[in-house]
Amino acid sequence: MPDRLIETPSQKASDDSGPVQSGLSRQPEAGTAPDELPPLSLPVRIGLHAVGWTLVLVGVAGLVIPGIQGILTGALGLALVSVASENVHRWLRSSLRRWPRLWAQVDKLHQRIHRRLRSRR
């Protein structure tokens, strides 16, 4: 996950001759996962892609067919595909940048699914 610039407490110069300087440091955002999660096996990734894209298609159909929760089903499908594909994960993160609380929930689900799949090996 890209780092965000966060203001650090002001620091005085060592000789106290200059003005107080405020610094910016790169720190990871709160509540984010490590940059790299261990890779999943190929059969697991293929299964996640198959189930995830099927749910995305059902979600798209659910937007016009009554009785199917289209947005919820599509979002769940994208969350599953993001576990298998880092590119989809990055795209989803950039798409949900405007809604940080929603992204936190999606990222939490991503980490939970990834941990469960890794523990079953």
N, C-alpha and C. Protein backbone atom coordinates (compact mmCIF):
# COMPACT_ATOMS: atom_id res chain seq x y z
N MET A 1 0.85 -1.16 0.00
CA MET A 1 0.00 0.00 0.00
C MET A 1 0.90 1.22 0.00
N PRO A 2 0.61 2.21 -0.83
CA PRO A 2 1.48 3.37 -0.87
C PRO A 2 1.45 4.12 0.45
N ASP A 3 2.57 4.72 0.72
CA ASP A 3 2.68 5.48 1.97
C ASP A 3 2.05 6.85 1.80
N ARG A 4 1.61 7.38 2.88
CA ARG A 4 0.99 8.70 2.89
C ARG A 4 1.87 9.63 3.70
N LEU A 5 1.98 10.87 3.26
CA LEU A 5 2.79 11.83 4.00
C LEU A 5 2.03 12.26 5.24
N ILE A 6 2.68 12.13 6.37
CA ILE A 6 2.06 12.48 7.64
C ILE A 6 2.97 13.47 8.35
N GLU A 7 2.39 14.51 8.86
CA GLU A 7 3.18 15.51 9.55
C GLU A 7 3.69 14.95 10.87
N THR A 8 4.98 15.13 11.11
CA THR A 8 5.57 14.69 12.36
C THR A 8 5.70 15.89 13.28
N PRO A 9 5.90 15.67 14.57
CA PRO A 9 6.05 16.79 15.49
C PRO A 9 7.22 17.68 15.08
N SER A 10 7.11 18.92 15.41
CA SER A 10 8.16 19.89 15.06
C SER A 10 9.46 19.52 15.74
N GLN A 11 10.54 19.81 15.03
CA GLN A 11 11.86 19.54 15.58
C GLN A 11 12.67 20.82 15.52
N LYS A 12 13.38 21.11 16.58
CA LYS A 12 14.24 22.29 16.60
C LYS A 12 15.59 21.92 16.03
N ALA A 13 16.23 22.90 15.45
CA ALA A 13 17.58 22.69 14.95
C ALA A 13 18.49 22.41 16.13
N SER A 14 19.56 21.68 15.89
CA SER A 14 20.42 21.28 17.00
C SER A 14 21.12 22.47 17.65
N ASP A 15 21.36 23.54 16.87
CA ASP A 15 22.04 24.70 17.46
C ASP A 15 21.05 25.78 17.91
N ASP A 16 19.77 25.57 17.75
CA ASP A 16 18.70 26.50 18.14
C ASP A 16 18.87 27.88 17.51
N SER A 17 19.59 27.96 16.40
CA SER A 17 19.78 29.27 15.78
C SER A 17 18.71 29.55 14.72
N GLY A 18 18.08 28.53 14.23
CA GLY A 18 17.11 28.71 13.16
C GLY A 18 15.68 28.53 13.66
N PRO A 19 14.74 28.78 12.78
CA PRO A 19 13.35 28.60 13.16
C PRO A 19 13.00 27.12 13.33
N VAL A 20 11.89 26.90 13.97
CA VAL A 20 11.41 25.54 14.18
C VAL A 20 10.97 24.99 12.83
N GLN A 21 11.43 23.78 12.50
CA GLN A 21 11.07 23.18 11.23
C GLN A 21 10.13 22.01 11.47
N SER A 22 9.18 21.93 10.60
CA SER A 22 8.26 20.80 10.66
C SER A 22 8.64 19.86 9.55
N GLY A 23 8.70 18.57 9.84
CA GLY A 23 9.11 17.61 8.82
C GLY A 23 7.95 16.72 8.41
N LEU A 24 8.07 16.16 7.24
CA LEU A 24 7.12 15.18 6.76
C LEU A 24 7.86 13.87 6.60
N SER A 25 7.25 12.81 7.05
CA SER A 25 7.89 11.51 6.90
C SER A 25 6.91 10.55 6.25
N ARG A 26 7.44 9.54 5.61
CA ARG A 26 6.59 8.54 4.98
C ARG A 26 6.27 7.47 6.01
N GLN A 27 5.00 7.32 6.31
CA GLN A 27 4.53 6.30 7.23
C GLN A 27 3.35 5.61 6.59
N PRO A 28 3.20 4.31 6.80
CA PRO A 28 2.04 3.65 6.23
C PRO A 28 0.75 4.14 6.87
N GLU A 29 -0.32 4.10 6.11
CA GLU A 29 -1.62 4.51 6.65
C GLU A 29 -2.03 3.56 7.76
N ALA A 30 -2.78 4.08 8.70
CA ALA A 30 -3.23 3.26 9.82
C ALA A 30 -4.17 2.17 9.33
N GLY A 31 -4.02 0.96 9.87
CA GLY A 31 -4.92 -0.13 9.55
C GLY A 31 -4.67 -0.79 8.21
N THR A 32 -3.48 -0.64 7.64
CA THR A 32 -3.22 -1.25 6.35
C THR A 32 -2.40 -2.51 6.53
N ALA A 33 -2.49 -3.36 5.54
CA ALA A 33 -1.76 -4.61 5.57
C ALA A 33 -0.33 -4.38 5.12
N PRO A 34 0.54 -5.33 5.39
CA PRO A 34 1.89 -5.21 4.86
C PRO A 34 1.83 -5.16 3.32
N ASP A 35 2.86 -4.58 2.72
CA ASP A 35 2.87 -4.42 1.27
C ASP A 35 2.70 -5.74 0.54
N GLU A 36 3.34 -6.77 0.99
CA GLU A 36 3.31 -8.03 0.29
C GLU A 36 2.75 -9.12 1.18
N LEU A 37 1.68 -9.74 0.71
CA LEU A 37 1.16 -10.92 1.37
C LEU A 37 1.75 -12.13 0.67
N PRO A 38 1.94 -13.24 1.36
CA PRO A 38 2.50 -14.41 0.70
C PRO A 38 1.59 -14.86 -0.45
N PRO A 39 2.16 -15.31 -1.55
CA PRO A 39 1.34 -15.68 -2.70
C PRO A 39 0.51 -16.94 -2.43
N LEU A 40 -0.64 -16.98 -3.07
CA LEU A 40 -1.50 -18.16 -2.99
C LEU A 40 -1.11 -19.13 -4.10
N SER A 41 -1.48 -20.39 -3.94
CA SER A 41 -1.15 -21.37 -4.97
C SER A 41 -1.98 -21.12 -6.22
N LEU A 42 -1.52 -21.64 -7.34
CA LEU A 42 -2.18 -21.42 -8.63
C LEU A 42 -3.62 -21.96 -8.65
N PRO A 43 -3.90 -23.17 -8.16
CA PRO A 43 -5.29 -23.63 -8.17
C PRO A 43 -6.23 -22.75 -7.34
N VAL A 44 -5.73 -22.24 -6.23
CA VAL A 44 -6.55 -21.36 -5.39
C VAL A 44 -6.83 -20.06 -6.13
N ARG A 45 -5.82 -19.49 -6.77
CA ARG A 45 -6.02 -18.24 -7.52
C ARG A 45 -6.99 -18.44 -8.68
N ILE A 46 -6.88 -19.58 -9.38
CA ILE A 46 -7.80 -19.85 -10.49
C ILE A 46 -9.23 -19.97 -9.97
N GLY A 47 -9.39 -20.66 -8.84
CA GLY A 47 -10.72 -20.79 -8.24
C GLY A 47 -11.30 -19.46 -7.81
N LEU A 48 -10.46 -18.62 -7.21
CA LEU A 48 -10.92 -17.29 -6.80
C LEU A 48 -11.33 -16.44 -8.00
N HIS A 49 -10.56 -16.53 -9.07
CA HIS A 49 -10.93 -15.78 -10.28
C HIS A 49 -12.26 -16.28 -10.83
N ALA A 50 -12.44 -17.59 -10.89
CA ALA A 50 -13.68 -18.15 -11.45
C ALA A 50 -14.89 -17.73 -10.61
N VAL A 51 -14.80 -17.91 -9.32
CA VAL A 51 -15.93 -17.56 -8.44
C VAL A 51 -16.14 -16.05 -8.41
N GLY A 52 -15.06 -15.30 -8.32
CA GLY A 52 -15.17 -13.84 -8.24
C GLY A 52 -15.78 -13.23 -9.48
N TRP A 53 -15.29 -13.61 -10.67
CA TRP A 53 -15.84 -13.03 -11.89
C TRP A 53 -17.27 -13.49 -12.15
N THR A 54 -17.60 -14.71 -11.72
CA THR A 54 -18.99 -15.16 -11.81
C THR A 54 -19.89 -14.28 -10.96
N LEU A 55 -19.45 -13.97 -9.74
CA LEU A 55 -20.24 -13.09 -8.87
C LEU A 55 -20.34 -11.68 -9.45
N VAL A 56 -19.28 -11.20 -10.09
CA VAL A 56 -19.34 -9.87 -10.72
C VAL A 56 -20.39 -9.88 -11.83
N LEU A 57 -20.39 -10.93 -12.66
CA LEU A 57 -21.39 -11.02 -13.74
C LEU A 57 -22.81 -11.13 -13.19
N VAL A 58 -23.00 -11.92 -12.13
CA VAL A 58 -24.32 -12.02 -11.50
C VAL A 58 -24.71 -10.66 -10.92
N GLY A 59 -23.75 -9.93 -10.38
CA GLY A 59 -24.02 -8.60 -9.85
C GLY A 59 -24.45 -7.63 -10.93
N VAL A 60 -23.79 -7.69 -12.09
CA VAL A 60 -24.18 -6.82 -13.20
C VAL A 60 -25.58 -7.18 -13.67
N ALA A 61 -25.87 -8.47 -13.75
CA ALA A 61 -27.23 -8.89 -14.13
C ALA A 61 -28.24 -8.47 -13.06
N GLY A 62 -27.81 -8.48 -11.81
CA GLY A 62 -28.69 -8.10 -10.72
C GLY A 62 -29.06 -6.63 -10.72
N LEU A 63 -28.32 -5.82 -11.47
CA LEU A 63 -28.68 -4.41 -11.57
C LEU A 63 -29.96 -4.21 -12.36
N VAL A 64 -30.26 -5.15 -13.26
CA VAL A 64 -31.47 -5.01 -14.08
C VAL A 64 -32.53 -6.06 -13.76
N ILE A 65 -32.14 -7.17 -13.15
CA ILE A 65 -33.10 -8.23 -12.79
C ILE A 65 -33.54 -8.02 -11.34
N PRO A 66 -34.84 -7.91 -11.11
CA PRO A 66 -35.29 -7.75 -9.73
C PRO A 66 -35.06 -9.02 -8.91
N GLY A 67 -34.78 -8.84 -7.65
CA GLY A 67 -34.61 -9.97 -6.75
C GLY A 67 -33.16 -10.33 -6.47
N ILE A 68 -32.22 -9.79 -7.23
CA ILE A 68 -30.80 -10.06 -7.01
C ILE A 68 -30.15 -8.77 -6.54
N GLN A 69 -29.40 -8.86 -5.48
CA GLN A 69 -28.67 -7.69 -4.97
C GLN A 69 -27.45 -7.47 -5.86
N GLY A 70 -27.58 -6.61 -6.86
CA GLY A 70 -26.53 -6.43 -7.85
C GLY A 70 -25.27 -5.80 -7.29
N ILE A 71 -25.40 -4.72 -6.56
CA ILE A 71 -24.23 -4.01 -6.06
C ILE A 71 -23.48 -4.84 -5.04
N LEU A 72 -24.20 -5.45 -4.13
CA LEU A 72 -23.58 -6.27 -3.09
C LEU A 72 -22.88 -7.49 -3.69
N THR A 73 -23.54 -8.15 -4.62
CA THR A 73 -22.95 -9.34 -5.25
C THR A 73 -21.72 -8.97 -6.08
N GLY A 74 -21.81 -7.89 -6.83
CA GLY A 74 -20.66 -7.45 -7.62
C GLY A 74 -19.49 -7.04 -6.75
N ALA A 75 -19.77 -6.36 -5.65
CA ALA A 75 -18.71 -5.93 -4.73
C ALA A 75 -18.03 -7.14 -4.08
N LEU A 76 -18.82 -8.14 -3.71
CA LEU A 76 -18.24 -9.35 -3.14
C LEU A 76 -17.37 -10.07 -4.17
N GLY A 77 -17.83 -10.11 -5.42
CA GLY A 77 -17.03 -10.71 -6.48
C GLY A 77 -15.71 -9.99 -6.69
N LEU A 78 -15.75 -8.66 -6.69
CA LEU A 78 -14.52 -7.89 -6.85
C LEU A 78 -13.57 -8.09 -5.66
N ALA A 79 -14.13 -8.23 -4.48
CA ALA A 79 -13.30 -8.48 -3.30
C ALA A 79 -12.59 -9.83 -3.43
N LEU A 80 -13.29 -10.84 -3.93
CA LEU A 80 -12.66 -12.15 -4.11
C LEU A 80 -11.58 -12.10 -5.19
N VAL A 81 -11.86 -11.42 -6.29
CA VAL A 81 -10.87 -11.33 -7.36
C VAL A 81 -9.65 -10.54 -6.88
N SER A 82 -9.86 -9.55 -6.02
CA SER A 82 -8.72 -8.75 -5.53
C SER A 82 -7.79 -9.57 -4.65
N VAL A 83 -8.28 -10.66 -4.06
CA VAL A 83 -7.40 -11.53 -3.29
C VAL A 83 -6.46 -12.28 -4.23
N ALA A 84 -6.96 -12.64 -5.40
CA ALA A 84 -6.16 -13.42 -6.35
C ALA A 84 -5.30 -12.55 -7.25
N SER A 85 -5.67 -11.30 -7.48
CA SER A 85 -4.97 -10.45 -8.43
C SER A 85 -4.56 -9.13 -7.77
N GLU A 86 -3.26 -8.87 -7.76
CA GLU A 86 -2.76 -7.62 -7.18
C GLU A 86 -3.19 -6.41 -8.00
N ASN A 87 -3.31 -6.57 -9.32
CA ASN A 87 -3.75 -5.46 -10.17
C ASN A 87 -5.18 -5.05 -9.85
N VAL A 88 -6.06 -6.02 -9.65
CA VAL A 88 -7.45 -5.70 -9.29
C VAL A 88 -7.49 -5.06 -7.91
N HIS A 89 -6.63 -5.52 -7.01
CA HIS A 89 -6.57 -4.96 -5.66
C HIS A 89 -6.16 -3.48 -5.72
N ARG A 90 -5.13 -3.17 -6.53
CA ARG A 90 -4.70 -1.77 -6.67
C ARG A 90 -5.79 -0.92 -7.31
N TRP A 91 -6.47 -1.46 -8.34
CA TRP A 91 -7.53 -0.72 -9.01
C TRP A 91 -8.69 -0.44 -8.03
N LEU A 92 -9.04 -1.45 -7.25
CA LEU A 92 -10.13 -1.29 -6.28
C LEU A 92 -9.76 -0.25 -5.24
N ARG A 93 -8.49 -0.29 -4.79
CA ARG A 93 -8.04 0.69 -3.79
C ARG A 93 -8.11 2.11 -4.35
N SER A 94 -7.68 2.31 -5.58
CA SER A 94 -7.73 3.65 -6.16
C SER A 94 -9.17 4.09 -6.44
N SER A 95 -10.03 3.14 -6.78
CA SER A 95 -11.43 3.48 -7.03
C SER A 95 -12.18 3.87 -5.76
N LEU A 96 -11.80 3.27 -4.64
CA LEU A 96 -12.49 3.54 -3.37
C LEU A 96 -11.76 4.57 -2.52
N ARG A 97 -10.84 5.31 -3.11
CA ARG A 97 -10.08 6.32 -2.36
C ARG A 97 -10.99 7.38 -1.75
N ARG A 98 -12.10 7.68 -2.41
CA ARG A 98 -13.02 8.70 -1.89
C ARG A 98 -13.79 8.23 -0.67
N TRP A 99 -13.86 6.92 -0.46
CA TRP A 99 -14.63 6.35 0.65
C TRP A 99 -13.70 5.51 1.52
N PRO A 100 -12.91 6.14 2.38
CA PRO A 100 -11.92 5.40 3.16
C PRO A 100 -12.53 4.37 4.11
N ARG A 101 -13.71 4.62 4.64
CA ARG A 101 -14.32 3.64 5.54
C ARG A 101 -14.72 2.39 4.77
N LEU A 102 -15.25 2.57 3.57
CA LEU A 102 -15.61 1.43 2.73
C LEU A 102 -14.36 0.66 2.34
N TRP A 103 -13.28 1.39 1.97
CA TRP A 103 -12.04 0.71 1.62
C TRP A 103 -11.50 -0.06 2.81
N ALA A 104 -11.61 0.46 4.01
CA ALA A 104 -11.13 -0.24 5.19
C ALA A 104 -11.86 -1.57 5.36
N GLN A 105 -13.16 -1.57 5.10
CA GLN A 105 -13.94 -2.81 5.20
C GLN A 105 -13.53 -3.81 4.12
N VAL A 106 -13.34 -3.31 2.89
CA VAL A 106 -12.93 -4.19 1.79
C VAL A 106 -11.54 -4.76 2.07
N ASP A 107 -10.63 -3.94 2.54
CA ASP A 107 -9.28 -4.40 2.84
C ASP A 107 -9.28 -5.40 3.99
N LYS A 108 -10.12 -5.18 4.96
CA LYS A 108 -10.25 -6.12 6.09
C LYS A 108 -10.75 -7.47 5.59
N LEU A 109 -11.76 -7.45 4.70
CA LEU A 109 -12.27 -8.69 4.11
C LEU A 109 -11.19 -9.37 3.28
N HIS A 110 -10.43 -8.59 2.53
CA HIS A 110 -9.33 -9.12 1.71
C HIS A 110 -8.32 -9.86 2.58
N GLN A 111 -7.91 -9.24 3.66
CA GLN A 111 -6.93 -9.86 4.56
C GLN A 111 -7.48 -11.12 5.21
N ARG A 112 -8.75 -11.09 5.62
CA ARG A 112 -9.36 -12.25 6.27
C ARG A 112 -9.44 -13.43 5.31
N ILE A 113 -9.87 -13.18 4.07
CA ILE A 113 -9.96 -14.25 3.08
C ILE A 113 -8.56 -14.81 2.80
N HIS A 114 -7.60 -13.92 2.64
CA HIS A 114 -6.24 -14.37 2.34
C HIS A 114 -5.68 -15.22 3.47
N ARG A 115 -5.89 -14.80 4.71
CA ARG A 115 -5.39 -15.58 5.87
C ARG A 115 -6.04 -16.94 5.92
N ARG A 116 -7.35 -17.01 5.69
CA ARG A 116 -8.05 -18.31 5.74
C ARG A 116 -7.56 -19.25 4.64
N LEU A 117 -7.36 -18.70 3.45
CA LEU A 117 -6.89 -19.55 2.36
C LEU A 117 -5.47 -20.02 2.61
N ARG A 118 -4.63 -19.18 3.19
CA ARG A 118 -3.25 -19.58 3.48
C ARG A 118 -3.21 -20.61 4.60
N SER A 119 -4.11 -20.53 5.57
CA SER A 119 -4.07 -21.45 6.70
C SER A 119 -4.60 -22.83 6.32
N ARG A 120 -5.35 -22.95 5.25
CA ARG A 120 -5.89 -24.25 4.83
C ARG A 120 -4.89 -25.08 4.04
N ARG A 121 -3.76 -24.52 3.69
CA ARG A 121 -2.76 -25.26 2.91
C ARG A 121 -2.10 -26.34 3.71
